[in-house]
Amino acid sequence: MPYMMRHSPTGTLLACVQRNGYKLAYYGLLLWDEPPSSAQMAEALAGAGIERADPAGQLEDWLPLELTEHEAKMANVKLRNDPSRVVAYRDGVMTARKV
């Protein structure tokens, strides 16, 4: 099952623009096969453009979250390949909204 990063105060799942195997850009969740280390998490935040001074920039506020493959796919569907959308996961419920 995939792991992703969840912002504890808001429930937001970390997403950013990435490249697929064909070098095409897409906006989706950052996923790992194993729980990410703190170094990987810090690198992921930087890659997503979240700086330490940002409200969501505190590394200790982000925790690894394990979801099923289906839940990860549904989160990406909810993002709609649109960087102006965010997905949150709270109390077992996944929601998406435009920011």
PDB file of N, CA and C in Angstrom:
ATOM      1  N   MET A   1       0.842  -1.181   0.000  1.00  0.00           N
ATOM      2  CA  MET A   1       0.000   0.000   0.000  1.00  0.00           C
ATOM      3  C   MET A   1       0.883   1.239   0.000  1.00  0.00           C
ATOM      4  N   PRO A   2       0.446   2.280  -0.689  1.00  0.00           N
ATOM      5  CA  PRO A   2       1.267   3.485  -0.790  1.00  0.00           C
ATOM      6  C   PRO A   2       1.207   4.355   0.465  1.00  0.00           C
ATOM      7  N   TYR A   3       2.287   5.076   0.646  1.00  0.00           N
ATOM      8  CA  TYR A   3       2.372   6.063   1.724  1.00  0.00           C
ATOM      9  C   TYR A   3       2.407   7.440   1.096  1.00  0.00           C
ATOM     10  N   MET A   4       1.821   8.394   1.787  1.00  0.00           N
ATOM     11  CA  MET A   4       1.859   9.775   1.366  1.00  0.00           C
ATOM     12  C   MET A   4       2.051  10.636   2.598  1.00  0.00           C
ATOM     13  N   MET A   5       2.142  11.936   2.404  1.00  0.00           N
ATOM     14  CA  MET A   5       2.313  12.848   3.524  1.00  0.00           C
ATOM     15  C   MET A   5       1.005  13.573   3.796  1.00  0.00           C
ATOM     16  N   ARG A   6       0.653  13.632   5.084  1.00  0.00           N
ATOM     17  CA  ARG A   6      -0.574  14.307   5.519  1.00  0.00           C
ATOM     18  C   ARG A   6      -0.217  15.403   6.509  1.00  0.00           C
ATOM     19  N   HIS A   7      -0.733  16.602   6.258  1.00  0.00           N
ATOM     20  CA  HIS A   7      -0.529  17.730   7.164  1.00  0.00           C
ATOM     21  C   HIS A   7      -1.502  17.562   8.332  1.00  0.00           C
ATOM     22  N   SER A   8      -0.978  17.314   9.508  1.00  0.00           N
ATOM     23  CA  SER A   8      -1.815  16.991  10.672  1.00  0.00           C
ATOM     24  C   SER A   8      -2.870  18.041  10.999  1.00  0.00           C
ATOM     25  N   PRO A   9      -2.531  19.336  11.053  1.00  0.00           N
ATOM     26  CA  PRO A   9      -3.553  20.319  11.431  1.00  0.00           C
ATOM     27  C   PRO A   9      -4.720  20.429  10.439  1.00  0.00           C
ATOM     28  N   THR A  10      -4.449  20.238   9.149  1.00  0.00           N
ATOM     29  CA  THR A  10      -5.495  20.454   8.135  1.00  0.00           C
ATOM     30  C   THR A  10      -5.982  19.171   7.469  1.00  0.00           C
ATOM     31  N   GLY A  11      -5.202  18.110   7.535  1.00  0.00           N
ATOM     32  CA  GLY A  11      -5.547  16.868   6.843  1.00  0.00           C
ATOM     33  C   GLY A  11      -5.147  16.861   5.381  1.00  0.00           C
ATOM     34  N   THR A  12      -4.542  17.942   4.896  1.00  0.00           N
ATOM     35  CA  THR A  12      -4.154  18.056   3.487  1.00  0.00           C
ATOM     36  C   THR A  12      -3.109  17.021   3.121  1.00  0.00           C
ATOM     37  N   LEU A  13      -3.301  16.374   1.973  1.00  0.00           N
ATOM     38  CA  LEU A  13      -2.329  15.424   1.444  1.00  0.00           C
ATOM     39  C   LEU A  13      -1.397  16.168   0.494  1.00  0.00           C
ATOM     40  N   LEU A  14      -0.104  15.882   0.578  1.00  0.00           N
ATOM     41  CA  LEU A  14       0.891  16.601  -0.220  1.00  0.00           C
ATOM     42  C   LEU A  14       0.822  16.182  -1.683  1.00  0.00           C
ATOM     43  N   ALA A  15       0.640  17.160  -2.543  1.00  0.00           N
ATOM     44  CA  ALA A  15       0.609  16.946  -3.986  1.00  0.00           C
ATOM     45  C   ALA A  15       1.461  18.026  -4.649  1.00  0.00           C
ATOM     46  N   CYS A  16       1.984  17.713  -5.821  1.00  0.00           N
ATOM     47  CA  CYS A  16       2.750  18.689  -6.582  1.00  0.00           C
ATOM     48  C   CYS A  16       2.836  18.226  -8.036  1.00  0.00           C
ATOM     49  N   VAL A  17       3.412  19.081  -8.876  1.00  0.00           N
ATOM     50  CA  VAL A  17       3.622  18.723 -10.270  1.00  0.00           C
ATOM     51  C   VAL A  17       4.791  17.743 -10.329  1.00  0.00           C
ATOM     52  N   GLN A  18       4.576  16.644 -11.054  1.00  0.00           N
ATOM     53  CA  GLN A  18       5.590  15.596 -11.192  1.00  0.00           C
ATOM     54  C   GLN A  18       5.690  15.203 -12.664  1.00  0.00           C
ATOM     55  N   ARG A  19       6.599  14.289 -12.979  1.00  0.00           N
ATOM     56  CA  ARG A  19       6.752  13.773 -14.344  1.00  0.00           C
ATOM     57  C   ARG A  19       6.492  12.276 -14.328  1.00  0.00           C
ATOM     58  N   ASN A  20       5.704  11.807 -15.289  1.00  0.00           N
ATOM     59  CA  ASN A  20       5.456  10.370 -15.383  1.00  0.00           C
ATOM     60  C   ASN A  20       6.560   9.699 -16.195  1.00  0.00           C
ATOM     61  N   GLY A  21       6.425   8.418 -16.460  1.00  0.00           N
ATOM     62  CA  GLY A  21       7.434   7.664 -17.199  1.00  0.00           C
ATOM     63  C   GLY A  21       7.679   8.172 -18.604  1.00  0.00           C
ATOM     64  N   TYR A  22       6.714   8.894 -19.160  1.00  0.00           N
ATOM     65  CA  TYR A  22       6.841   9.455 -20.511  1.00  0.00           C
ATOM     66  C   TYR A  22       7.311  10.905 -20.486  1.00  0.00           C
ATOM     67  N   LYS A  23       7.743  11.366 -19.301  1.00  0.00           N
ATOM     68  CA  LYS A  23       8.224  12.736 -19.096  1.00  0.00           C
ATOM     69  C   LYS A  23       7.129  13.792 -19.250  1.00  0.00           C
ATOM     70  N   LEU A  24       5.871  13.377 -19.118  1.00  0.00           N
ATOM     71  CA  LEU A  24       4.760  14.318 -19.175  1.00  0.00           C
ATOM     72  C   LEU A  24       4.447  14.810 -17.761  1.00  0.00           C
ATOM     73  N   ALA A  25       4.190  16.110 -17.635  1.00  0.00           N
ATOM     74  CA  ALA A  25       3.889  16.692 -16.330  1.00  0.00           C
ATOM     75  C   ALA A  25       2.451  16.379 -15.926  1.00  0.00           C
ATOM     76  N   TYR A  26       2.268  16.105 -14.655  1.00  0.00           N
ATOM     77  CA  TYR A  26       0.941  15.914 -14.086  1.00  0.00           C
ATOM     78  C   TYR A  26       0.969  16.380 -12.640  1.00  0.00           C
ATOM     79  N   TYR A  27      -0.192  16.731 -12.124  1.00  0.00           N
ATOM     80  CA  TYR A  27      -0.318  17.162 -10.736  1.00  0.00           C
ATOM     81  C   TYR A  27      -0.960  16.034  -9.951  1.00  0.00           C
ATOM     82  N   GLY A  28      -0.260  15.527  -8.946  1.00  0.00           N
ATOM     83  CA  GLY A  28      -0.791  14.419  -8.170  1.00  0.00           C
ATOM     84  C   GLY A  28      -0.087  14.259  -6.839  1.00  0.00           C
ATOM     85  N   LEU A  29      -0.569  13.293  -6.068  1.00  0.00           N
ATOM     86  CA  LEU A  29       0.011  13.004  -4.758  1.00  0.00           C
ATOM     87  C   LEU A  29       1.424  12.476  -4.893  1.00  0.00           C
ATOM     88  N   LEU A  30       2.257  12.831  -3.938  1.00  0.00           N
ATOM     89  CA  LEU A  30       3.591  12.227  -3.841  1.00  0.00           C
ATOM     90  C   LEU A  30       3.423  10.915  -3.087  1.00  0.00           C
ATOM     91  N   LEU A  31       3.863   9.822  -3.679  1.00  0.00           N
ATOM     92  CA  LEU A  31       3.668   8.494  -3.092  1.00  0.00           C
ATOM     93  C   LEU A  31       4.998   7.784  -2.886  1.00  0.00           C
ATOM     94  N   TRP A  32       5.054   6.971  -1.838  1.00  0.00           N
ATOM     95  CA  TRP A  32       6.201   6.125  -1.541  1.00  0.00           C
ATOM     96  C   TRP A  32       5.709   4.705  -1.283  1.00  0.00           C
ATOM     97  N   ASP A  33       6.571   3.723  -1.524  1.00  0.00           N
ATOM     98  CA  ASP A  33       6.233   2.329  -1.234  1.00  0.00           C
ATOM     99  C   ASP A  33       6.405   2.000   0.242  1.00  0.00           C
ATOM    100  N   GLU A  34       7.273   2.761   0.914  1.00  0.00           N
ATOM    101  CA  GLU A  34       7.534   2.589   2.348  1.00  0.00           C
ATOM    102  C   GLU A  34       7.383   3.946   3.018  1.00  0.00           C
ATOM    103  N   PRO A  35       7.218   3.981   4.323  1.00  0.00           N
ATOM    104  CA  PRO A  35       7.094   5.288   4.980  1.00  0.00           C
ATOM    105  C   PRO A  35       8.302   6.169   4.663  1.00  0.00           C
ATOM    106  N   PRO A  36       8.071   7.409   4.229  1.00  0.00           N
ATOM    107  CA  PRO A  36       9.198   8.284   3.893  1.00  0.00           C
ATOM    108  C   PRO A  36       9.977   8.699   5.132  1.00  0.00           C
ATOM    109  N   SER A  37      11.279   8.828   4.960  1.00  0.00           N
ATOM    110  CA  SER A  37      12.134   9.307   6.049  1.00  0.00           C
ATOM    111  C   SER A  37      11.931  10.813   6.194  1.00  0.00           C
ATOM    112  N   SER A  38      12.429  11.370   7.280  1.00  0.00           N
ATOM    113  CA  SER A  38      12.288  12.823   7.471  1.00  0.00           C
ATOM    114  C   SER A  38      13.044  13.578   6.386  1.00  0.00           C
ATOM    115  N   ALA A  39      14.168  13.033   5.911  1.00  0.00           N
ATOM    116  CA  ALA A  39      14.912  13.683   4.817  1.00  0.00           C
ATOM    117  C   ALA A  39      14.085  13.674   3.531  1.00  0.00           C
ATOM    118  N   GLN A  40      13.431  12.553   3.231  1.00  0.00           N
ATOM    119  CA  GLN A  40      12.577  12.473   2.047  1.00  0.00           C
ATOM    120  C   GLN A  40      11.387  13.426   2.174  1.00  0.00           C
ATOM    121  N   MET A  41      10.852  13.541   3.372  1.00  0.00           N
ATOM    122  CA  MET A  41       9.721  14.430   3.589  1.00  0.00           C
ATOM    123  C   MET A  41      10.140  15.894   3.421  1.00  0.00           C
ATOM    124  N   ALA A  42      11.298  16.258   3.931  1.00  0.00           N
ATOM    125  CA  ALA A  42      11.790  17.630   3.776  1.00  0.00           C
ATOM    126  C   ALA A  42      12.029  17.936   2.298  1.00  0.00           C
ATOM    127  N   GLU A  43      12.585  16.979   1.584  1.00  0.00           N
ATOM    128  CA  GLU A  43      12.824  17.142   0.141  1.00  0.00           C
ATOM    129  C   GLU A  43      11.494  17.280  -0.607  1.00  0.00           C
ATOM    130  N   ALA A  44      10.498  16.508  -0.212  1.00  0.00           N
ATOM    131  CA  ALA A  44       9.186  16.564  -0.857  1.00  0.00           C
ATOM    132  C   ALA A  44       8.527  17.932  -0.639  1.00  0.00           C
ATOM    133  N   LEU A  45       8.623  18.457   0.570  1.00  0.00           N
ATOM    134  CA  LEU A  45       8.056  19.782   0.841  1.00  0.00           C
ATOM    135  C   LEU A  45       8.742  20.844  -0.015  1.00  0.00           C
ATOM    136  N   ALA A  46      10.061  20.765  -0.105  1.00  0.00           N
ATOM    137  CA  ALA A  46      10.808  21.718  -0.928  1.00  0.00           C
ATOM    138  C   ALA A  46      10.410  21.575  -2.397  1.00  0.00           C
ATOM    139  N   GLY A  47      10.271  20.344  -2.868  1.00  0.00           N
ATOM    140  CA  GLY A  47       9.876  20.097  -4.249  1.00  0.00           C
ATOM    141  C   GLY A  47       8.475  20.605  -4.558  1.00  0.00           C
ATOM    142  N   ALA A  48       7.625  20.627  -3.542  1.00  0.00           N
ATOM    143  CA  ALA A  48       6.262  21.127  -3.711  1.00  0.00           C
ATOM    144  C   ALA A  48       6.196  22.646  -3.549  1.00  0.00           C
ATOM    145  N   GLY A  49       7.343  23.272  -3.273  1.00  0.00           N
ATOM    146  CA  GLY A  49       7.385  24.720  -3.134  1.00  0.00           C
ATOM    147  C   GLY A  49       6.906  25.229  -1.787  1.00  0.00           C
ATOM    148  N   ILE A  50       6.885  24.342  -0.788  1.00  0.00           N
ATOM    149  CA  ILE A  50       6.460  24.747   0.556  1.00  0.00           C
ATOM    150  C   ILE A  50       7.709  25.069   1.364  1.00  0.00           C
ATOM    151  N   GLU A  51       7.855  26.336   1.709  1.00  0.00           N
ATOM    152  CA  GLU A  51       9.029  26.787   2.451  1.00  0.00           C
ATOM    153  C   GLU A  51       8.767  26.732   3.944  1.00  0.00           C
ATOM    154  N   ARG A  52       9.836  26.680   4.706  1.00  0.00           N
ATOM    155  CA  ARG A  52       9.732  26.580   6.171  1.00  0.00           C
ATOM    156  C   ARG A  52       8.906  27.719   6.764  1.00  0.00           C
ATOM    157  N   ALA A  53       8.958  28.900   6.162  1.00  0.00           N
ATOM    158  CA  ALA A  53       8.221  30.060   6.671  1.00  0.00           C
ATOM    159  C   ALA A  53       6.727  30.003   6.345  1.00  0.00           C
ATOM    160  N   ASP A  54       6.318  29.114   5.446  1.00  0.00           N
ATOM    161  CA  ASP A  54       4.905  28.964   5.088  1.00  0.00           C
ATOM    162  C   ASP A  54       4.129  28.372   6.269  1.00  0.00           C
ATOM    163  N   PRO A  55       2.817  28.636   6.329  1.00  0.00           N
ATOM    164  CA  PRO A  55       2.007  28.054   7.417  1.00  0.00           C
ATOM    165  C   PRO A  55       2.097  26.529   7.463  1.00  0.00           C
ATOM    166  N   ALA A  56       2.263  25.887   6.324  1.00  0.00           N
ATOM    167  CA  ALA A  56       2.355  24.419   6.283  1.00  0.00           C
ATOM    168  C   ALA A  56       3.806  23.952   6.155  1.00  0.00           C
ATOM    169  N   GLY A  57       4.748  24.831   6.433  1.00  0.00           N
ATOM    170  CA  GLY A  57       6.155  24.516   6.203  1.00  0.00           C
ATOM    171  C   GLY A  57       6.886  23.821   7.333  1.00  0.00           C
ATOM    172  N   GLN A  58       6.211  23.552   8.437  1.00  0.00           N
ATOM    173  CA  GLN A  58       6.870  22.893   9.565  1.00  0.00           C
ATOM    174  C   GLN A  58       6.870  21.382   9.343  1.00  0.00           C
ATOM    175  N   LEU A  59       8.031  20.798   9.175  1.00  0.00           N
ATOM    176  CA  LEU A  59       8.154  19.376   8.880  1.00  0.00           C
ATOM    177  C   LEU A  59       7.467  18.511   9.937  1.00  0.00           C
ATOM    178  N   GLU A  60       7.525  18.935  11.188  1.00  0.00           N
ATOM    179  CA  GLU A  60       6.925  18.134  12.259  1.00  0.00           C
ATOM    180  C   GLU A  60       5.396  18.078  12.178  1.00  0.00           C
ATOM    181  N   ASP A  61       4.782  18.957  11.391  1.00  0.00           N
ATOM    182  CA  ASP A  61       3.327  18.930  11.195  1.00  0.00           C
ATOM    183  C   ASP A  61       2.899  17.912  10.135  1.00  0.00           C
ATOM    184  N   TRP A  62       3.861  17.349   9.405  1.00  0.00           N
ATOM    185  CA  TRP A  62       3.569  16.382   8.346  1.00  0.00           C
ATOM    186  C   TRP A  62       3.895  14.977   8.830  1.00  0.00           C
ATOM    187  N   LEU A  63       2.971  14.057   8.595  1.00  0.00           N
ATOM    188  CA  LEU A  63       3.168  12.665   9.006  1.00  0.00           C
ATOM    189  C   LEU A  63       2.902  11.738   7.831  1.00  0.00           C
ATOM    190  N   PRO A  64       3.625  10.607   7.769  1.00  0.00           N
ATOM    191  CA  PRO A  64       3.323   9.626   6.729  1.00  0.00           C
ATOM    192  C   PRO A  64       1.947   9.017   6.981  1.00  0.00           C
ATOM    193  N   LEU A  65       1.225   8.767   5.913  1.00  0.00           N
ATOM    194  CA  LEU A  65      -0.103   8.170   5.995  1.00  0.00           C
ATOM    195  C   LEU A  65      -0.172   7.039   4.977  1.00  0.00           C
ATOM    196  N   GLU A  66      -0.606   5.876   5.424  1.00  0.00           N
ATOM    197  CA  GLU A  66      -0.762   4.737   4.523  1.00  0.00           C
ATOM    198  C   GLU A  66      -2.221   4.640   4.095  1.00  0.00           C
ATOM    199  N   LEU A  67      -2.436   4.637   2.793  1.00  0.00           N
ATOM    200  CA  LEU A  67      -3.769   4.462   2.236  1.00  0.00           C
ATOM    201  C   LEU A  67      -3.751   3.286   1.276  1.00  0.00           C
ATOM    202  N   THR A  68      -4.917   2.817   0.901  1.00  0.00           N
ATOM    203  CA  THR A  68      -4.983   1.744  -0.090  1.00  0.00           C
ATOM    204  C   THR A  68      -4.679   2.316  -1.473  1.00  0.00           C
ATOM    205  N   GLU A  69      -4.383   1.432  -2.406  1.00  0.00           N
ATOM    206  CA  GLU A  69      -4.157   1.855  -3.789  1.00  0.00           C
ATOM    207  C   GLU A  69      -5.395   2.587  -4.310  1.00  0.00           C
ATOM    208  N   HIS A  70      -6.564   2.056  -4.003  1.00  0.00           N
ATOM    209  CA  HIS A  70      -7.814   2.672  -4.458  1.00  0.00           C
ATOM    210  C   HIS A  70      -7.966   4.089  -3.895  1.00  0.00           C
ATOM    211  N   GLU A  71      -7.683   4.268  -2.613  1.00  0.00           N
ATOM    212  CA  GLU A  71      -7.794   5.597  -2.006  1.00  0.00           C
ATOM    213  C   GLU A  71      -6.805   6.579  -2.637  1.00  0.00           C
ATOM    214  N   ALA A  72      -5.592   6.113  -2.922  1.00  0.00           N
ATOM    215  CA  ALA A  72      -4.593   6.977  -3.565  1.00  0.00           C
ATOM    216  C   ALA A  72      -5.071   7.378  -4.961  1.00  0.00           C
ATOM    217  N   LYS A  73      -5.621   6.435  -5.704  1.00  0.00           N
ATOM    218  CA  LYS A  73      -6.133   6.748  -7.046  1.00  0.00           C
ATOM    219  C   LYS A  73      -7.306   7.721  -6.959  1.00  0.00           C
ATOM    220  N   MET A  74      -8.192   7.516  -6.000  1.00  0.00           N
ATOM    221  CA  MET A  74      -9.336   8.415  -5.843  1.00  0.00           C
ATOM    222  C   MET A  74      -8.881   9.832  -5.465  1.00  0.00           C
ATOM    223  N   ALA A  75      -7.847   9.933  -4.655  1.00  0.00           N
ATOM    224  CA  ALA A  75      -7.315  11.258  -4.300  1.00  0.00           C
ATOM    225  C   ALA A  75      -6.800  11.962  -5.549  1.00  0.00           C
ATOM    226  N   ASN A  76      -6.089  11.224  -6.405  1.00  0.00           N
ATOM    227  CA  ASN A  76      -5.590  11.830  -7.638  1.00  0.00           C
ATOM    228  C   ASN A  76      -6.734  12.206  -8.574  1.00  0.00           C
ATOM    229  N   VAL A  77      -7.784  11.410  -8.608  1.00  0.00           N
ATOM    230  CA  VAL A  77      -8.961  11.752  -9.416  1.00  0.00           C
ATOM    231  C   VAL A  77      -9.571  13.055  -8.894  1.00  0.00           C
ATOM    232  N   LYS A  78      -9.664  13.193  -7.580  1.00  0.00           N
ATOM    233  CA  LYS A  78     -10.242  14.394  -6.980  1.00  0.00           C
ATOM    234  C   LYS A  78      -9.388  15.636  -7.255  1.00  0.00           C
ATOM    235  N   LEU A  79      -8.076  15.446  -7.438  1.00  0.00           N
ATOM    236  CA  LEU A  79      -7.202  16.579  -7.759  1.00  0.00           C
ATOM    237  C   LEU A  79      -7.437  17.083  -9.186  1.00  0.00           C
ATOM    238  N   ARG A  80      -7.909  16.195 -10.062  1.00  0.00           N
ATOM    239  CA  ARG A  80      -8.224  16.548 -11.454  1.00  0.00           C
ATOM    240  C   ARG A  80      -7.048  17.148 -12.214  1.00  0.00           C
ATOM    241  N   ASN A  81      -5.827  16.786 -11.837  1.00  0.00           N
ATOM    242  CA  ASN A  81      -4.628  17.301 -12.505  1.00  0.00           C
ATOM    243  C   ASN A  81      -4.610  18.836 -12.462  1.00  0.00           C
ATOM    244  N   ASP A  82      -5.163  19.414 -11.414  1.00  0.00           N
ATOM    245  CA  ASP A  82      -5.325  20.862 -11.277  1.00  0.00           C
ATOM    246  C   ASP A  82      -4.602  21.353 -10.022  1.00  0.00           C
ATOM    247  N   PRO A  83      -3.490  22.091 -10.203  1.00  0.00           N
ATOM    248  CA  PRO A  83      -2.724  22.577  -9.045  1.00  0.00           C
ATOM    249  C   PRO A  83      -3.485  23.524  -8.124  1.00  0.00           C
ATOM    250  N   SER A  84      -4.652  23.989  -8.538  1.00  0.00           N
ATOM    251  CA  SER A  84      -5.422  24.871  -7.662  1.00  0.00           C
ATOM    252  C   SER A  84      -6.355  24.080  -6.742  1.00  0.00           C
ATOM    253  N   ARG A  85      -6.267  22.748  -6.777  1.00  0.00           N
ATOM    254  CA  ARG A  85      -7.104  21.898  -5.920  1.00  0.00           C
ATOM    255  C   ARG A  85      -6.245  21.220  -4.855  1.00  0.00           C
ATOM    256  N   VAL A  86      -6.848  20.967  -3.705  1.00  0.00           N
ATOM    257  CA  VAL A  86      -6.197  20.214  -2.639  1.00  0.00           C
ATOM    258  C   VAL A  86      -7.136  19.114  -2.176  1.00  0.00           C
ATOM    259  N   VAL A  87      -6.547  18.024  -1.698  1.00  0.00           N
ATOM    260  CA  VAL A  87      -7.318  16.915  -1.146  1.00  0.00           C
ATOM    261  C   VAL A  87      -6.950  16.795   0.319  1.00  0.00           C
ATOM    262  N   ALA A  88      -7.955  16.631   1.157  1.00  0.00           N
ATOM    263  CA  ALA A  88      -7.738  16.441   2.590  1.00  0.00           C
ATOM    264  C   ALA A  88      -8.320  15.094   3.003  1.00  0.00           C
ATOM    265  N   TYR A  89      -7.684  14.482   4.002  1.00  0.00           N
ATOM    266  CA  TYR A  89      -8.132  13.192   4.529  1.00  0.00           C
ATOM    267  C   TYR A  89      -8.281  13.342   6.033  1.00  0.00           C
ATOM    268  N   ARG A  90      -9.548  13.360   6.492  1.00  0.00           N
ATOM    269  CA  ARG A  90      -9.826  13.514   7.919  1.00  0.00           C
ATOM    270  C   ARG A  90     -10.863  12.487   8.348  1.00  0.00           C
ATOM    271  N   ASP A  91     -10.571  11.786   9.422  1.00  0.00           N
ATOM    272  CA  ASP A  91     -11.507  10.816   9.999  1.00  0.00           C
ATOM    273  C   ASP A  91     -12.020   9.815   8.965  1.00  0.00           C
ATOM    274  N   GLY A  92     -11.121   9.386   8.082  1.00  0.00           N
ATOM    275  CA  GLY A  92     -11.482   8.377   7.084  1.00  0.00           C
ATOM    276  C   GLY A  92     -12.267   8.920   5.902  1.00  0.00           C
ATOM    277  N   VAL A  93     -12.439  10.228   5.816  1.00  0.00           N
ATOM    278  CA  VAL A  93     -13.189  10.835   4.724  1.00  0.00           C
ATOM    279  C   VAL A  93     -12.246  11.707   3.890  1.00  0.00           C
ATOM    280  N   MET A  94     -12.305  11.527   2.569  1.00  0.00           N
ATOM    281  CA  MET A  94     -11.475  12.287   1.658  1.00  0.00           C
ATOM    282  C   MET A  94     -12.339  13.358   0.987  1.00  0.00           C
ATOM    283  N   THR A  95     -11.869  14.612   1.053  1.00  0.00           N
ATOM    284  CA  THR A  95     -12.575  15.721   0.425  1.00  0.00           C
ATOM    285  C   THR A  95     -11.611  16.503  -0.443  1.00  0.00           C
ATOM    286  N   ALA A  96     -12.139  17.177  -1.438  1.00  0.00           N
ATOM    287  CA  ALA A  96     -11.319  18.017  -2.314  1.00  0.00           C
ATOM    288  C   ALA A  96     -11.973  19.387  -2.429  1.00  0.00           C
ATOM    289  N   ARG A  97     -11.132  20.382  -2.636  1.00  0.00           N
ATOM    290  CA  ARG A  97     -11.653  21.727  -2.830  1.00  0.00           C
ATOM    291  C   ARG A  97     -10.645  22.551  -3.626  1.00  0.00           C
ATOM    292  N   LYS A  98     -11.127  23.609  -4.199  1.00  0.00           N
ATOM    293  CA  LYS A  98     -10.286  24.543  -4.939  1.00  0.00           C
ATOM    294  C   LYS A  98      -9.774  25.583  -3.962  1.00  0.00           C
ATOM    295  N   VAL A  99      -8.516  25.964  -4.078  1.00  0.00           N
ATOM    296  CA  VAL A  99      -7.954  26.982  -3.186  1.00  0.00           C
ATOM    297  C   VAL A  99      -7.699  28.271  -3.925  1.00  0.00           C
TER     298      VAL A  99
END
